[in-house]
Amino acid sequence: MITLPGFIDPHVHLRTPGQTYKEDFLTGTSAALAGGFTTVIDMPNNKTPITSLSLLKKKKEIAKKKIVCDVGFYFGSLGDNLSEFEKVEDRVFGLKLYLNQTTGNFVINKESLLKIYDSWFGSPVLVHAEQDVIDLVIDVCSRTKKRTHVCHVSEIGAFKKIIAAKKKGLPITFGVTPHHLFIDYNLSKRLGPYALMKPQISEGFKEFAWKNLKHIDVIESDHAPHSYEEKKILKTAPFGVPGLETTLGLLLTACSDGLLSIKDIKRLCHDGPAKIFGINPSTGSERDKIVVDENEEWIVRGKNLQTKCKWSPFEGWRLKGKIKKVYIRNKLVFDNGRILVKPGFGRVL
């Protein structure tokens, strides 16, 4: 058994409000606890995107009654709500901008990027920026010197460009998801719609990312649940895969195989996100802890997961390393598969 600080996932989609048939605050935060995450930060691309103070308040009010781990939130923009920024900047952990198509099709006009950056202060700007727009993001980051986090990098070219920007001293960080680290291009083709995601899996990235693990700032699950039925048909399947409950098991298995160390996992799943997004002991991260059995093996079965969608692209995988206990603010909240606290225990950060 080993004890680690409660992990932080800075990139989840809990689907509330608007699409609770996919996930809700209770099932999503229960999945977080089962995966060893005591804090998660929820994205703003809901069915009605979170682009105003009133929408943010409503979302937080729903969360207060349902969550079983601590949850923070991001704000969204298409460049048409700049007057809302000063109202919410101290209420969120960052501003999320989508420069490529993804779930919700909440894509900004690229000519608006500099104006949006100039209007935002404080917390990081997070971007969904694939290979075709990464140069634009780096240029705007260079011009404004504002903290930028590139989400779910999945292409070798983008990875290299961000590393070069960091070496020049730009305030830029990036994350990589477990599915881009563990599913290669050939496997994604065999999984079909159940490996359909944005950004998509590219050839050679998995191997490149493992060789360059030291450059990655965070592991982020990009937990994006959809119902099993709506993912069936490739032509109409929405983008995204669930990931909260398999992230740590995958990483511990890789640790057992010698691909990384426990120290690496702590850096990527706690220290990195805590530093980038300003989650400090006063918000619970240091007093939260998880107890892990490094040697216990388990098989991923969708039907046994806490997430409402009840499926995983890692179905049938045998993983080595199991979450046994989770403590939040020194209280035992998860014990050998059981959630021990009632909805509303978690804090809205």
Foldseek 3Di string as FASTA:
>chain_A
DDKAFQFEFAAEAQQPPPCCLFHHQQLVQLLLVQLRHQEYEHEQLHLPGAAAPVSVVVRQVRQLQFHLHAYFYEHEDQLPRLVRQVVCLVRHLEYEAECDQAVNRRHHDLVSVLVSLVSHDDHEYEYADAPVCLVVVLVSLVVNLGAYEYEAYADPVSLVVQLVSVVVPRNYAYEHEVCSQPPAPVLLVVLALQQAAPVHHDHPRNVVCLVVVVRHLAYHHNADTDAPVQSPDNVRRHHHFGGSNCRVLSVLQVCVVVSDHPVSNCRHGPVRVCVNRVPDVVLFRRQKMWDKDSADKDADFLCLRSGSNSDGSRHGPITGMGTAWIDTNNHTQDGRSDGDDGGSNHHYD
